[in-house]
Amino acid sequence: MGEVTIDFLREKLKLFLRESEVEEVLNKVISSAGLAKKESYSGEEVGKIVEAMIAEGSFVEFVGRNIRARLLLEK
């Protein structure tokens, strides 16, 4: 998986969540992945974030699965 910015994650979540929920969800999944919030994440870190998103379920899971698919197709 390639490098991903926090803005990329934020924009994808905004498609399904209210803007007020996006930061809360981002903080939760980044924390669940055992990472600190920063501007960009390496491929390995993105994998951890995506797994945390999938574990959340609902639209967050949907976004996580789509991010994973997109990054796999870019390889």
PDB file of N, CA and C in Angstrom:
ATOM      1  N   MET A   1       0.841  -1.186   0.000  1.00  0.00           N
ATOM      2  CA  MET A   1       0.000   0.000   0.000  1.00  0.00           C
ATOM      3  C   MET A   1       0.879   1.239   0.000  1.00  0.00           C
ATOM      4  N   GLY A   2       0.428   2.264  -0.692  1.00  0.00           N
ATOM      5  CA  GLY A   2       1.182   3.493  -0.775  1.00  0.00           C
ATOM      6  C   GLY A   2       0.905   4.431   0.379  1.00  0.00           C
ATOM      7  N   GLU A   3       1.617   5.537   0.371  1.00  0.00           N
ATOM      8  CA  GLU A   3       1.443   6.546   1.413  1.00  0.00           C
ATOM      9  C   GLU A   3       0.106   7.256   1.233  1.00  0.00           C
ATOM     10  N   VAL A   4      -0.526   7.581   2.354  1.00  0.00           N
ATOM     11  CA  VAL A   4      -1.833   8.244   2.339  1.00  0.00           C
ATOM     12  C   VAL A   4      -1.792   9.417   3.307  1.00  0.00           C
ATOM     13  N   THR A   5      -2.405  10.525   2.912  1.00  0.00           N
ATOM     14  CA  THR A   5      -2.457  11.687   3.798  1.00  0.00           C
ATOM     15  C   THR A   5      -3.714  11.646   4.663  1.00  0.00           C
ATOM     16  N   ILE A   6      -3.661  12.390   5.747  1.00  0.00           N
ATOM     17  CA  ILE A   6      -4.819  12.488   6.635  1.00  0.00           C
ATOM     18  C   ILE A   6      -5.977  13.160   5.896  1.00  0.00           C
ATOM     19  N   ASP A   7      -5.662  14.081   4.998  1.00  0.00           N
ATOM     20  CA  ASP A   7      -6.718  14.755   4.230  1.00  0.00           C
ATOM     21  C   ASP A   7      -7.454  13.780   3.311  1.00  0.00           C
ATOM     22  N   PHE A   8      -6.729  12.821   2.745  1.00  0.00           N
ATOM     23  CA  PHE A   8      -7.354  11.792   1.909  1.00  0.00           C
ATOM     24  C   PHE A   8      -8.363  11.002   2.734  1.00  0.00           C
ATOM     25  N   LEU A   9      -7.954  10.555   3.918  1.00  0.00           N
ATOM     26  CA  LEU A   9      -8.857   9.804   4.799  1.00  0.00           C
ATOM     27  C   LEU A   9     -10.064  10.652   5.187  1.00  0.00           C
ATOM     28  N   ARG A  10      -9.801  11.900   5.514  1.00  0.00           N
ATOM     29  CA  ARG A  10     -10.869  12.821   5.920  1.00  0.00           C
ATOM     30  C   ARG A  10     -11.894  13.001   4.799  1.00  0.00           C
ATOM     31  N   GLU A  11     -11.422  13.212   3.583  1.00  0.00           N
ATOM     32  CA  GLU A  11     -12.333  13.420   2.449  1.00  0.00           C
ATOM     33  C   GLU A  11     -13.174  12.185   2.158  1.00  0.00           C
ATOM     34  N   LYS A  12     -12.584  11.013   2.262  1.00  0.00           N
ATOM     35  CA  LYS A  12     -13.344   9.779   2.021  1.00  0.00           C
ATOM     36  C   LYS A  12     -14.423   9.587   3.083  1.00  0.00           C
ATOM     37  N   LEU A  13     -14.112   9.884   4.330  1.00  0.00           N
ATOM     38  CA  LEU A  13     -15.104   9.743   5.397  1.00  0.00           C
ATOM     39  C   LEU A  13     -16.222  10.779   5.267  1.00  0.00           C
ATOM     40  N   LYS A  14     -15.894  11.967   4.753  1.00  0.00           N
ATOM     41  CA  LYS A  14     -16.902  13.021   4.591  1.00  0.00           C
ATOM     42  C   LYS A  14     -18.002  12.627   3.612  1.00  0.00           C
ATOM     43  N   LEU A  15     -17.731  11.650   2.762  1.00  0.00           N
ATOM     44  CA  LEU A  15     -18.751  11.202   1.816  1.00  0.00           C
ATOM     45  C   LEU A  15     -19.925  10.533   2.527  1.00  0.00           C
ATOM     46  N   PHE A  16     -19.678   9.981   3.715  1.00  0.00           N
ATOM     47  CA  PHE A  16     -20.703   9.206   4.414  1.00  0.00           C
ATOM     48  C   PHE A  16     -21.030   9.700   5.817  1.00  0.00           C
ATOM     49  N   LEU A  17     -20.182  10.543   6.376  1.00  0.00           N
ATOM     50  CA  LEU A  17     -20.389  11.012   7.744  1.00  0.00           C
ATOM     51  C   LEU A  17     -20.544  12.524   7.772  1.00  0.00           C
ATOM     52  N   ARG A  18     -21.212  12.992   8.821  1.00  0.00           N
ATOM     53  CA  ARG A  18     -21.285  14.438   9.018  1.00  0.00           C
ATOM     54  C   ARG A  18     -19.891  14.950   9.355  1.00  0.00           C
ATOM     55  N   GLU A  19     -19.637  16.173   8.977  1.00  0.00           N
ATOM     56  CA  GLU A  19     -18.317  16.750   9.206  1.00  0.00           C
ATOM     57  C   GLU A  19     -17.930  16.704  10.681  1.00  0.00           C
ATOM     58  N   SER A  20     -18.909  16.865  11.549  1.00  0.00           N
ATOM     59  CA  SER A  20     -18.642  16.833  12.989  1.00  0.00           C
ATOM     60  C   SER A  20     -18.213  15.447  13.469  1.00  0.00           C
ATOM     61  N   GLU A  21     -18.558  14.411  12.732  1.00  0.00           N
ATOM     62  CA  GLU A  21     -18.205  13.038  13.113  1.00  0.00           C
ATOM     63  C   GLU A  21     -16.847  12.600  12.575  1.00  0.00           C
ATOM     64  N   VAL A  22     -16.397  13.237  11.521  1.00  0.00           N
ATOM     65  CA  VAL A  22     -15.195  12.786  10.822  1.00  0.00           C
ATOM     66  C   VAL A  22     -13.968  12.785  11.735  1.00  0.00           C
ATOM     67  N   GLU A  23     -13.705  13.888  12.422  1.00  0.00           N
ATOM     68  CA  GLU A  23     -12.517  13.963  13.281  1.00  0.00           C
ATOM     69  C   GLU A  23     -12.590  12.959  14.419  1.00  0.00           C
ATOM     70  N   GLU A  24     -13.774  12.783  14.974  1.00  0.00           N
ATOM     71  CA  GLU A  24     -13.957  11.807  16.051  1.00  0.00           C
ATOM     72  C   GLU A  24     -13.618  10.397  15.561  1.00  0.00           C
ATOM     73  N   VAL A  25     -14.135  10.041  14.394  1.00  0.00           N
ATOM     74  CA  VAL A  25     -13.876   8.715  13.827  1.00  0.00           C
ATOM     75  C   VAL A  25     -12.396   8.563  13.486  1.00  0.00           C
ATOM     76  N   LEU A  26     -11.809   9.581  12.877  1.00  0.00           N
ATOM     77  CA  LEU A  26     -10.382   9.516  12.542  1.00  0.00           C
ATOM     78  C   LEU A  26      -9.536   9.297  13.789  1.00  0.00           C
ATOM     79  N   ASN A  27      -9.807  10.078  14.827  1.00  0.00           N
ATOM     80  CA  ASN A  27      -9.052   9.929  16.070  1.00  0.00           C
ATOM     81  C   ASN A  27      -9.203   8.524  16.633  1.00  0.00           C
ATOM     82  N   LYS A  28     -10.411   7.989  16.579  1.00  0.00           N
ATOM     83  CA  LYS A  28     -10.675   6.662  17.131  1.00  0.00           C
ATOM     84  C   LYS A  28      -9.938   5.572  16.357  1.00  0.00           C
ATOM     85  N   VAL A  29     -10.025   5.589  15.028  1.00  0.00           N
ATOM     86  CA  VAL A  29      -9.388   4.517  14.255  1.00  0.00           C
ATOM     87  C   VAL A  29      -7.866   4.633  14.277  1.00  0.00           C
ATOM     88  N   ILE A  30      -7.353   5.837  14.288  1.00  0.00           N
ATOM     89  CA  ILE A  30      -5.898   6.019  14.363  1.00  0.00           C
ATOM     90  C   ILE A  30      -5.388   5.525  15.711  1.00  0.00           C
ATOM     91  N   SER A  31      -6.104   5.851  16.763  1.00  0.00           N
ATOM     92  CA  SER A  31      -5.743   5.373  18.098  1.00  0.00           C
ATOM     93  C   SER A  31      -5.850   3.851  18.183  1.00  0.00           C
ATOM     94  N   SER A  32      -6.925   3.296  17.634  1.00  0.00           N
ATOM     95  CA  SER A  32      -7.114   1.838  17.632  1.00  0.00           C
ATOM     96  C   SER A  32      -5.997   1.127  16.876  1.00  0.00           C
ATOM     97  N   ALA A  33      -5.457   1.801  15.882  1.00  0.00           N
ATOM     98  CA  ALA A  33      -4.360   1.230  15.096  1.00  0.00           C
ATOM     99  C   ALA A  33      -3.020   1.358  15.822  1.00  0.00           C
ATOM    100  N   GLY A  34      -3.027   2.047  16.973  1.00  0.00           N
ATOM    101  CA  GLY A  34      -1.798   2.225  17.747  1.00  0.00           C
ATOM    102  C   GLY A  34      -0.863   3.260  17.161  1.00  0.00           C
ATOM    103  N   LEU A  35      -1.437   4.240  16.462  1.00  0.00           N
ATOM    104  CA  LEU A  35      -0.637   5.267  15.803  1.00  0.00           C
ATOM    105  C   LEU A  35      -0.954   6.648  16.357  1.00  0.00           C
ATOM    106  N   ALA A  36      -0.077   7.590  16.078  1.00  0.00           N
ATOM    107  CA  ALA A  36      -0.307   8.990  16.424  1.00  0.00           C
ATOM    108  C   ALA A  36      -0.870   9.698  15.198  1.00  0.00           C
ATOM    109  N   LYS A  37      -1.654  10.737  15.429  1.00  0.00           N
ATOM    110  CA  LYS A  37      -2.218  11.503  14.317  1.00  0.00           C
ATOM    111  C   LYS A  37      -1.110  12.359  13.702  1.00  0.00           C
ATOM    112  N   LYS A  38      -0.968  12.259  12.376  1.00  0.00           N
ATOM    113  CA  LYS A  38       0.029  13.040  11.652  1.00  0.00           C
ATOM    114  C   LYS A  38      -0.476  13.314  10.243  1.00  0.00           C
ATOM    115  N   GLU A  39       0.302  14.017   9.452  1.00  0.00           N
ATOM    116  CA  GLU A  39      -0.148  14.443   8.125  1.00  0.00           C
ATOM    117  C   GLU A  39      -0.189  13.327   7.090  1.00  0.00           C
ATOM    118  N   SER A  40       0.714  12.354   7.180  1.00  0.00           N
ATOM    119  CA  SER A  40       0.695  11.250   6.216  1.00  0.00           C
ATOM    120  C   SER A  40       1.155   9.962   6.891  1.00  0.00           C
ATOM    121  N   TYR A  41       0.758   8.848   6.282  1.00  0.00           N
ATOM    122  CA  TYR A  41       1.027   7.524   6.831  1.00  0.00           C
ATOM    123  C   TYR A  41       1.645   6.635   5.768  1.00  0.00           C
ATOM    124  N   SER A  42       2.595   5.804   6.193  1.00  0.00           N
ATOM    125  CA  SER A  42       3.251   4.857   5.286  1.00  0.00           C
ATOM    126  C   SER A  42       2.283   3.735   4.931  1.00  0.00           C
ATOM    127  N   GLY A  43       2.679   2.912   3.993  1.00  0.00           N
ATOM    128  CA  GLY A  43       1.841   1.791   3.579  1.00  0.00           C
ATOM    129  C   GLY A  43       1.471   0.869   4.723  1.00  0.00           C
ATOM    130  N   GLU A  44       2.436   0.560   5.579  1.00  0.00           N
ATOM    131  CA  GLU A  44       2.177  -0.320   6.723  1.00  0.00           C
ATOM    132  C   GLU A  44       1.189   0.332   7.697  1.00  0.00           C
ATOM    133  N   GLU A  45       1.373   1.616   7.939  1.00  0.00           N
ATOM    134  CA  GLU A  45       0.468   2.339   8.841  1.00  0.00           C
ATOM    135  C   GLU A  45      -0.942   2.417   8.259  1.00  0.00           C
ATOM    136  N   VAL A  46      -1.031   2.639   6.958  1.00  0.00           N
ATOM    137  CA  VAL A  46      -2.338   2.693   6.297  1.00  0.00           C
ATOM    138  C   VAL A  46      -3.058   1.361   6.456  1.00  0.00           C
ATOM    139  N   GLY A  47      -2.318   0.276   6.328  1.00  0.00           N
ATOM    140  CA  GLY A  47      -2.907  -1.049   6.522  1.00  0.00           C
ATOM    141  C   GLY A  47      -3.527  -1.190   7.900  1.00  0.00           C
ATOM    142  N   LYS A  48      -2.839  -0.694   8.919  1.00  0.00           N
ATOM    143  CA  LYS A  48      -3.360  -0.747  10.291  1.00  0.00           C
ATOM    144  C   LYS A  48      -4.607   0.123  10.444  1.00  0.00           C
ATOM    145  N   ILE A  49      -4.582   1.302   9.839  1.00  0.00           N
ATOM    146  CA  ILE A  49      -5.737   2.206   9.918  1.00  0.00           C
ATOM    147  C   ILE A  49      -6.939   1.585   9.219  1.00  0.00           C
ATOM    148  N   VAL A  50      -6.715   1.015   8.049  1.00  0.00           N
ATOM    149  CA  VAL A  50      -7.803   0.384   7.296  1.00  0.00           C
ATOM    150  C   VAL A  50      -8.406  -0.771   8.096  1.00  0.00           C
ATOM    151  N   GLU A  51      -7.575  -1.576   8.734  1.00  0.00           N
ATOM    152  CA  GLU A  51      -8.083  -2.676   9.571  1.00  0.00           C
ATOM    153  C   GLU A  51      -8.932  -2.135  10.717  1.00  0.00           C
ATOM    154  N   ALA A  52      -8.500  -1.039  11.326  1.00  0.00           N
ATOM    155  CA  ALA A  52      -9.277  -0.422  12.407  1.00  0.00           C
ATOM    156  C   ALA A  52     -10.600   0.123  11.874  1.00  0.00           C
ATOM    157  N   MET A  53     -10.590   0.671  10.661  1.00  0.00           N
ATOM    158  CA  MET A  53     -11.821   1.178  10.052  1.00  0.00           C
ATOM    159  C   MET A  53     -12.792   0.026   9.794  1.00  0.00           C
ATOM    160  N   ILE A  54     -12.284  -1.075   9.294  1.00  0.00           N
ATOM    161  CA  ILE A  54     -13.130  -2.236   9.012  1.00  0.00           C
ATOM    162  C   ILE A  54     -13.748  -2.768  10.301  1.00  0.00           C
ATOM    163  N   ALA A  55     -12.977  -2.749  11.378  1.00  0.00           N
ATOM    164  CA  ALA A  55     -13.481  -3.219  12.672  1.00  0.00           C
ATOM    165  C   ALA A  55     -14.596  -2.324  13.220  1.00  0.00           C
ATOM    166  N   GLU A  56     -14.629  -1.067  12.797  1.00  0.00           N
ATOM    167  CA  GLU A  56     -15.664  -0.125  13.248  1.00  0.00           C
ATOM    168  C   GLU A  56     -17.048  -0.487  12.715  1.00  0.00           C
ATOM    169  N   GLY A  57     -17.091  -1.098  11.541  1.00  0.00           N
ATOM    170  CA  GLY A  57     -18.375  -1.437  10.941  1.00  0.00           C
ATOM    171  C   GLY A  57     -19.037  -0.235  10.287  1.00  0.00           C
ATOM    172  N   SER A  58     -20.244  -0.435   9.792  1.00  0.00           N
ATOM    173  CA  SER A  58     -21.075   0.604   9.184  1.00  0.00           C
ATOM    174  C   SER A  58     -20.358   1.276   8.007  1.00  0.00           C
ATOM    175  N   PHE A  59     -20.598   2.574   7.842  1.00  0.00           N
ATOM    176  CA  PHE A  59     -20.016   3.306   6.721  1.00  0.00           C
ATOM    177  C   PHE A  59     -18.504   3.427   6.850  1.00  0.00           C
ATOM    178  N   VAL A  60     -17.994   3.424   8.082  1.00  0.00           N
ATOM    179  CA  VAL A  60     -16.548   3.500   8.286  1.00  0.00           C
ATOM    180  C   VAL A  60     -15.886   2.247   7.705  1.00  0.00           C
ATOM    181  N   GLU A  61     -16.504   1.101   7.916  1.00  0.00           N
ATOM    182  CA  GLU A  61     -16.002  -0.147   7.336  1.00  0.00           C
ATOM    183  C   GLU A  61     -16.029  -0.067   5.812  1.00  0.00           C
ATOM    184  N   PHE A  62     -17.115   0.436   5.253  1.00  0.00           N
ATOM    185  CA  PHE A  62     -17.255   0.570   3.807  1.00  0.00           C
ATOM    186  C   PHE A  62     -16.130   1.432   3.235  1.00  0.00           C
ATOM    187  N   VAL A  63     -15.862   2.559   3.882  1.00  0.00           N
ATOM    188  CA  VAL A  63     -14.791   3.450   3.430  1.00  0.00           C
ATOM    189  C   VAL A  63     -13.438   2.741   3.535  1.00  0.00           C
ATOM    190  N   GLY A  64     -13.207   2.045   4.639  1.00  0.00           N
ATOM    191  CA  GLY A  64     -11.951   1.321   4.818  1.00  0.00           C
ATOM    192  C   GLY A  64     -11.725   0.281   3.738  1.00  0.00           C
ATOM    193  N   ARG A  65     -12.761  -0.467   3.422  1.00  0.00           N
ATOM    194  CA  ARG A  65     -12.636  -1.495   2.371  1.00  0.00           C
ATOM    195  C   ARG A  65     -12.373  -0.860   1.002  1.00  0.00           C
ATOM    196  N   ASN A  66     -12.988   0.277   0.739  1.00  0.00           N
ATOM    197  CA  ASN A  66     -12.762   0.962  -0.531  1.00  0.00           C
ATOM    198  C   ASN A  66     -11.355   1.533  -0.625  1.00  0.00           C
ATOM    199  N   ILE A  67     -10.846   2.057   0.480  1.00  0.00           N
ATOM    200  CA  ILE A  67      -9.469   2.560   0.487  1.00  0.00           C
ATOM    201  C   ILE A  67      -8.506   1.406   0.234  1.00  0.00           C
ATOM    202  N   ARG A  68      -8.730   0.282   0.895  1.00  0.00           N
ATOM    203  CA  ARG A  68      -7.866  -0.888   0.705  1.00  0.00           C
ATOM    204  C   ARG A  68      -7.881  -1.329  -0.762  1.00  0.00           C
ATOM    205  N   ALA A  69      -9.059  -1.417  -1.347  1.00  0.00           N
ATOM    206  CA  ALA A  69      -9.173  -1.843  -2.744  1.00  0.00           C
ATOM    207  C   ALA A  69      -8.453  -0.869  -3.670  1.00  0.00           C
ATOM    208  N   ARG A  70      -8.630   0.406  -3.443  1.00  0.00           N
ATOM    209  CA  ARG A  70      -7.991   1.409  -4.293  1.00  0.00           C
ATOM    210  C   ARG A  70      -6.474   1.306  -4.217  1.00  0.00           C
ATOM    211  N   LEU A  71      -5.959   1.159  -3.003  1.00  0.00           N
ATOM    212  CA  LEU A  71      -4.515   1.081  -2.842  1.00  0.00           C
ATOM    213  C   LEU A  71      -3.942  -0.201  -3.436  1.00  0.00           C
ATOM    214  N   LEU A  72      -4.682  -1.288  -3.346  1.00  0.00           N
ATOM    215  CA  LEU A  72      -4.223  -2.538  -3.955  1.00  0.00           C
ATOM    216  C   LEU A  72      -4.197  -2.433  -5.477  1.00  0.00           C
ATOM    217  N   LEU A  73      -5.170  -1.732  -6.044  1.00  0.00           N
ATOM    218  CA  LEU A  73      -5.213  -1.557  -7.497  1.00  0.00           C
ATOM    219  C   LEU A  73      -4.088  -0.657  -7.996  1.00  0.00           C
ATOM    220  N   GLU A  74      -3.597   0.236  -7.139  1.00  0.00           N
ATOM    221  CA  GLU A  74      -2.515   1.142  -7.527  1.00  0.00           C
ATOM    222  C   GLU A  74      -1.168   0.446  -7.600  1.00  0.00           C
ATOM    223  N   LYS A  75      -1.052  -0.728  -6.996  1.00  0.00           N
ATOM    224  CA  LYS A  75       0.241  -1.445  -6.994  1.00  0.00           C
ATOM    225  C   LYS A  75       0.635  -1.865  -8.383  1.00  0.00           C
TER     226      LYS A  75
END
